[in-house]
Amino acid sequence: MNQNGISQLNWNSLRQKLNWIKWLEKQKKDNPALHDYWAVHSCNGCQQLDDTLCWCNLLKLPATYNQDLTESFGITGMPCGGEKFERLAKLTHDSEILNLKIQK
């Protein structure tokens, strides 16, 4: 088992969404520090992210699982390595909202 509580053998199961959800919920109760480590992702703002489940809908993997980083070093990473990050198309800045109001 690596320092972050997951052996490489577990990933065969945890790459499946239902198993990931069950494991994450169990860790939230049994080991909050482990849950918090694996539930914090770098995918904020990506339209492929299901934030409540910490899941990448595009690659169908946990949002903290990266094949190279997680399997080799036991650390979190973006499933796509940032290559397929798709920013949400929503207004987030006051000036953009103001510009829309002015144009109407």
N, C-alpha and C. Protein backbone atom coordinates (compact mmCIF):
# COMPACT_ATOMS: atom_id res chain seq x y z
N MET A 1 0.85 -1.18 0.00
CA MET A 1 0.00 0.00 0.00
C MET A 1 0.90 1.24 0.00
N ASN A 2 0.53 2.24 -0.80
CA ASN A 2 1.34 3.44 -0.84
C ASN A 2 0.98 4.38 0.32
N GLN A 3 1.68 5.48 0.41
CA GLN A 3 1.50 6.39 1.53
C GLN A 3 0.12 7.04 1.57
N ASN A 4 -0.62 7.00 0.49
CA ASN A 4 -1.93 7.64 0.45
C ASN A 4 -3.08 6.65 0.60
N GLY A 5 -2.77 5.43 1.01
CA GLY A 5 -3.80 4.49 1.41
C GLY A 5 -4.41 3.64 0.31
N ILE A 6 -3.86 3.66 -0.87
CA ILE A 6 -4.43 2.85 -1.95
C ILE A 6 -3.34 2.02 -2.59
N SER A 7 -3.55 0.72 -2.60
CA SER A 7 -2.59 -0.14 -3.29
C SER A 7 -2.90 -0.10 -4.78
N GLN A 8 -1.94 -0.41 -5.59
CA GLN A 8 -2.14 -0.40 -7.03
C GLN A 8 -3.22 -1.42 -7.43
N LEU A 9 -3.35 -2.48 -6.69
CA LEU A 9 -4.34 -3.50 -7.01
C LEU A 9 -5.77 -2.96 -6.91
N ASN A 10 -6.01 -2.05 -6.01
CA ASN A 10 -7.35 -1.50 -5.83
C ASN A 10 -7.84 -0.72 -7.04
N TRP A 11 -6.96 -0.17 -7.83
CA TRP A 11 -7.39 0.71 -8.92
C TRP A 11 -8.18 -0.03 -9.99
N ASN A 12 -7.98 -1.32 -10.14
CA ASN A 12 -8.80 -2.05 -11.10
C ASN A 12 -10.27 -1.93 -10.74
N SER A 13 -10.57 -1.94 -9.47
CA SER A 13 -11.95 -1.80 -9.01
C SER A 13 -12.38 -0.34 -8.93
N LEU A 14 -11.50 0.52 -8.42
CA LEU A 14 -11.88 1.92 -8.16
C LEU A 14 -12.05 2.75 -9.42
N ARG A 15 -11.61 2.25 -10.56
CA ARG A 15 -11.82 2.97 -11.82
C ARG A 15 -13.25 2.82 -12.31
N GLN A 16 -14.03 2.00 -11.63
CA GLN A 16 -15.45 1.85 -11.96
C GLN A 16 -16.24 2.80 -11.07
N LYS A 17 -17.16 3.55 -11.67
CA LYS A 17 -17.83 4.64 -10.98
C LYS A 17 -18.53 4.21 -9.69
N LEU A 18 -19.31 3.17 -9.73
CA LEU A 18 -20.04 2.75 -8.54
C LEU A 18 -19.08 2.36 -7.41
N ASN A 19 -18.02 1.66 -7.75
CA ASN A 19 -17.02 1.28 -6.74
C ASN A 19 -16.32 2.51 -6.17
N TRP A 20 -16.02 3.48 -7.03
CA TRP A 20 -15.39 4.72 -6.59
C TRP A 20 -16.29 5.46 -5.61
N ILE A 21 -17.56 5.58 -5.94
CA ILE A 21 -18.51 6.30 -5.07
C ILE A 21 -18.61 5.61 -3.71
N LYS A 22 -18.75 4.29 -3.71
CA LYS A 22 -18.84 3.54 -2.45
C LYS A 22 -17.58 3.70 -1.62
N TRP A 23 -16.42 3.60 -2.29
CA TRP A 23 -15.15 3.72 -1.58
C TRP A 23 -15.00 5.12 -0.98
N LEU A 24 -15.34 6.15 -1.76
CA LEU A 24 -15.20 7.52 -1.28
C LEU A 24 -16.13 7.78 -0.09
N GLU A 25 -17.36 7.28 -0.17
CA GLU A 25 -18.31 7.45 0.95
C GLU A 25 -17.82 6.73 2.20
N LYS A 26 -17.28 5.52 2.02
CA LYS A 26 -16.75 4.77 3.16
C LYS A 26 -15.59 5.51 3.81
N GLN A 27 -14.70 6.06 2.99
CA GLN A 27 -13.56 6.79 3.54
C GLN A 27 -14.00 8.06 4.27
N LYS A 28 -15.07 8.67 3.80
CA LYS A 28 -15.56 9.89 4.45
C LYS A 28 -15.93 9.60 5.90
N LYS A 29 -16.49 8.40 6.14
CA LYS A 29 -16.86 8.01 7.51
C LYS A 29 -15.67 7.44 8.27
N ASP A 30 -14.95 6.53 7.63
CA ASP A 30 -13.91 5.76 8.33
C ASP A 30 -12.56 6.47 8.40
N ASN A 31 -12.24 7.24 7.39
CA ASN A 31 -10.92 7.86 7.32
C ASN A 31 -11.03 9.22 6.59
N PRO A 32 -11.52 10.24 7.28
CA PRO A 32 -11.75 11.54 6.63
C PRO A 32 -10.52 12.14 5.96
N ALA A 33 -9.35 11.93 6.52
CA ALA A 33 -8.14 12.49 5.91
C ALA A 33 -7.88 11.84 4.55
N LEU A 34 -8.08 10.53 4.48
CA LEU A 34 -7.89 9.82 3.21
C LEU A 34 -8.95 10.28 2.21
N HIS A 35 -10.19 10.42 2.65
CA HIS A 35 -11.26 10.92 1.78
C HIS A 35 -10.90 12.30 1.24
N ASP A 36 -10.49 13.18 2.13
CA ASP A 36 -10.18 14.55 1.71
C ASP A 36 -9.04 14.59 0.70
N TYR A 37 -8.05 13.72 0.88
CA TYR A 37 -6.93 13.70 -0.06
C TYR A 37 -7.41 13.31 -1.46
N TRP A 38 -8.22 12.25 -1.56
CA TRP A 38 -8.63 11.73 -2.86
C TRP A 38 -9.86 12.44 -3.44
N ALA A 39 -10.52 13.28 -2.66
CA ALA A 39 -11.70 13.99 -3.17
C ALA A 39 -11.37 15.39 -3.66
N VAL A 40 -10.13 15.84 -3.47
CA VAL A 40 -9.73 17.17 -3.93
C VAL A 40 -9.04 17.02 -5.28
N HIS A 41 -9.59 17.65 -6.30
CA HIS A 41 -9.12 17.48 -7.66
C HIS A 41 -8.68 18.82 -8.25
N SER A 42 -8.08 18.77 -9.41
CA SER A 42 -7.62 19.97 -10.11
C SER A 42 -8.51 20.32 -11.29
N CYS A 43 -9.69 19.75 -11.34
CA CYS A 43 -10.57 19.89 -12.50
C CYS A 43 -11.61 21.00 -12.35
N ASN A 44 -11.46 21.85 -11.35
CA ASN A 44 -12.44 22.92 -11.15
C ASN A 44 -12.62 23.73 -12.42
N GLY A 45 -13.89 23.93 -12.80
CA GLY A 45 -14.19 24.71 -13.98
C GLY A 45 -14.28 23.90 -15.26
N CYS A 46 -14.00 22.61 -15.20
CA CYS A 46 -14.09 21.76 -16.40
C CYS A 46 -15.52 21.26 -16.54
N GLN A 47 -16.06 21.34 -17.74
CA GLN A 47 -17.45 20.91 -17.94
C GLN A 47 -17.60 19.39 -17.88
N GLN A 48 -16.51 18.66 -17.89
CA GLN A 48 -16.58 17.19 -17.80
C GLN A 48 -16.64 16.68 -16.37
N LEU A 49 -16.48 17.57 -15.41
CA LEU A 49 -16.40 17.18 -14.00
C LEU A 49 -17.78 17.04 -13.37
N ASP A 50 -17.98 15.92 -12.68
CA ASP A 50 -19.11 15.77 -11.77
C ASP A 50 -18.51 15.99 -10.38
N ASP A 51 -18.62 17.21 -9.92
CA ASP A 51 -17.93 17.61 -8.69
C ASP A 51 -18.43 16.87 -7.46
N THR A 52 -19.72 16.57 -7.40
CA THR A 52 -20.24 15.89 -6.21
C THR A 52 -19.68 14.48 -6.07
N LEU A 53 -19.33 13.86 -7.17
CA LEU A 53 -18.78 12.50 -7.12
C LEU A 53 -17.28 12.47 -7.36
N CYS A 54 -16.68 13.63 -7.62
CA CYS A 54 -15.25 13.70 -7.94
C CYS A 54 -14.96 12.75 -9.11
N TRP A 55 -15.70 12.94 -10.22
CA TRP A 55 -15.67 12.01 -11.34
C TRP A 55 -15.53 12.74 -12.65
N CYS A 56 -14.68 12.25 -13.54
CA CYS A 56 -14.52 12.80 -14.89
C CYS A 56 -15.48 12.05 -15.81
N ASN A 57 -16.48 12.74 -16.32
CA ASN A 57 -17.47 12.11 -17.21
C ASN A 57 -16.90 11.80 -18.58
N LEU A 58 -15.90 12.55 -19.02
CA LEU A 58 -15.31 12.31 -20.33
C LEU A 58 -14.52 11.00 -20.37
N LEU A 59 -13.61 10.85 -19.43
CA LEU A 59 -12.76 9.66 -19.41
C LEU A 59 -13.31 8.54 -18.53
N LYS A 60 -14.40 8.85 -17.82
CA LYS A 60 -15.06 7.87 -16.97
C LYS A 60 -14.08 7.28 -15.95
N LEU A 61 -13.46 8.23 -15.21
CA LEU A 61 -12.50 7.88 -14.17
C LEU A 61 -12.67 8.83 -12.99
N PRO A 62 -12.19 8.42 -11.81
CA PRO A 62 -12.16 9.38 -10.70
C PRO A 62 -11.38 10.63 -11.11
N ALA A 63 -11.84 11.78 -10.70
CA ALA A 63 -11.20 13.04 -11.10
C ALA A 63 -9.83 13.24 -10.47
N THR A 64 -9.43 12.36 -9.58
CA THR A 64 -8.10 12.43 -8.97
C THR A 64 -7.19 11.31 -9.45
N TYR A 65 -7.67 10.51 -10.40
CA TYR A 65 -6.88 9.38 -10.90
C TYR A 65 -6.18 9.75 -12.21
N ASN A 66 -4.88 9.63 -12.21
CA ASN A 66 -4.08 9.80 -13.42
C ASN A 66 -3.25 8.52 -13.57
N GLN A 67 -3.35 7.88 -14.71
CA GLN A 67 -2.72 6.57 -14.89
C GLN A 67 -1.25 6.58 -14.52
N ASP A 68 -0.53 7.60 -14.89
CA ASP A 68 0.90 7.64 -14.60
C ASP A 68 1.19 8.02 -13.16
N LEU A 69 0.63 9.13 -12.70
CA LEU A 69 0.93 9.62 -11.35
C LEU A 69 0.38 8.73 -10.26
N THR A 70 -0.86 8.31 -10.41
CA THR A 70 -1.51 7.55 -9.36
C THR A 70 -0.96 6.13 -9.28
N GLU A 71 -0.85 5.48 -10.41
CA GLU A 71 -0.38 4.09 -10.40
C GLU A 71 1.11 4.00 -10.05
N SER A 72 1.90 4.95 -10.49
CA SER A 72 3.35 4.88 -10.24
C SER A 72 3.76 5.44 -8.89
N PHE A 73 3.14 6.57 -8.50
CA PHE A 73 3.60 7.27 -7.31
C PHE A 73 2.56 7.36 -6.19
N GLY A 74 1.32 6.94 -6.47
CA GLY A 74 0.28 6.99 -5.45
C GLY A 74 -0.21 8.38 -5.14
N ILE A 75 -0.08 9.29 -6.10
CA ILE A 75 -0.54 10.67 -5.87
C ILE A 75 -1.67 11.00 -6.85
N THR A 76 -2.37 12.08 -6.55
CA THR A 76 -3.49 12.48 -7.40
C THR A 76 -3.01 13.20 -8.64
N GLY A 77 -3.87 13.21 -9.64
CA GLY A 77 -3.61 13.93 -10.87
C GLY A 77 -4.88 13.97 -11.70
N MET A 78 -4.93 14.87 -12.65
CA MET A 78 -6.10 14.94 -13.53
C MET A 78 -6.11 13.72 -14.44
N PRO A 79 -7.27 13.10 -14.63
CA PRO A 79 -7.33 11.92 -15.50
C PRO A 79 -6.78 12.19 -16.90
N CYS A 80 -7.02 13.38 -17.42
CA CYS A 80 -6.56 13.72 -18.78
C CYS A 80 -5.21 14.40 -18.77
N GLY A 81 -4.65 14.63 -17.59
CA GLY A 81 -3.39 15.35 -17.49
C GLY A 81 -3.53 16.81 -17.91
N GLY A 82 -4.76 17.29 -17.98
CA GLY A 82 -5.02 18.67 -18.39
C GLY A 82 -5.20 18.84 -19.88
N GLU A 83 -4.98 17.79 -20.65
CA GLU A 83 -5.05 17.88 -22.11
C GLU A 83 -6.46 18.02 -22.65
N LYS A 84 -7.45 17.53 -21.92
CA LYS A 84 -8.83 17.57 -22.40
C LYS A 84 -9.70 18.49 -21.54
N PHE A 85 -9.07 19.34 -20.74
CA PHE A 85 -9.79 20.27 -19.88
C PHE A 85 -10.67 21.17 -20.73
N GLU A 86 -11.96 21.21 -20.43
CA GLU A 86 -12.90 22.04 -21.17
C GLU A 86 -13.58 23.00 -20.21
N ARG A 87 -13.23 24.25 -20.32
CA ARG A 87 -13.76 25.25 -19.39
C ARG A 87 -15.27 25.38 -19.56
N LEU A 88 -15.93 25.50 -18.42
CA LEU A 88 -17.37 25.73 -18.44
C LEU A 88 -17.67 27.04 -19.14
N ALA A 89 -18.67 27.05 -19.95
CA ALA A 89 -19.07 28.27 -20.65
C ALA A 89 -20.12 28.98 -19.82
N LYS A 90 -19.67 29.71 -18.81
CA LYS A 90 -20.60 30.48 -17.99
C LYS A 90 -19.96 31.80 -17.63
N LEU A 91 -20.79 32.79 -17.40
CA LEU A 91 -20.27 34.11 -17.06
C LEU A 91 -19.82 34.11 -15.60
N THR A 92 -18.59 34.52 -15.40
CA THR A 92 -18.06 34.52 -14.05
C THR A 92 -17.52 35.88 -13.64
N HIS A 93 -17.47 36.79 -14.55
CA HIS A 93 -16.86 38.09 -14.25
C HIS A 93 -17.89 39.19 -14.39
N ASP A 94 -17.90 40.11 -13.46
CA ASP A 94 -18.89 41.20 -13.47
C ASP A 94 -18.85 42.01 -14.75
N SER A 95 -17.67 42.23 -15.32
CA SER A 95 -17.59 43.05 -16.53
C SER A 95 -18.26 42.34 -17.71
N GLU A 96 -18.18 41.02 -17.77
CA GLU A 96 -18.86 40.29 -18.85
C GLU A 96 -20.37 40.44 -18.71
N ILE A 97 -20.88 40.37 -17.50
CA ILE A 97 -22.30 40.54 -17.27
C ILE A 97 -22.73 41.96 -17.63
N LEU A 98 -21.94 42.92 -17.23
CA LEU A 98 -22.22 44.32 -17.53
C LEU A 98 -22.24 44.56 -19.04
N ASN A 99 -21.28 44.00 -19.75
CA ASN A 99 -21.22 44.16 -21.21
C ASN A 99 -22.47 43.59 -21.87
N LEU A 100 -22.97 42.48 -21.39
CA LEU A 100 -24.19 41.90 -21.96
C LEU A 100 -25.38 42.82 -21.73
N LYS A 101 -25.47 43.42 -20.56
CA LYS A 101 -26.58 44.33 -20.26
C LYS A 101 -26.52 45.57 -21.15
N ILE A 102 -25.33 46.05 -21.40
CA ILE A 102 -25.16 47.25 -22.22
C ILE A 102 -25.53 46.97 -23.67
N GLN A 103 -25.20 45.79 -24.16
CA GLN A 103 -25.46 45.44 -25.56
C GLN A 103 -26.94 45.22 -25.85
N LYS A 104 -27.75 44.93 -24.86
CA LYS A 104 -29.18 44.66 -25.07
C LYS A 104 -29.94 45.87 -25.45
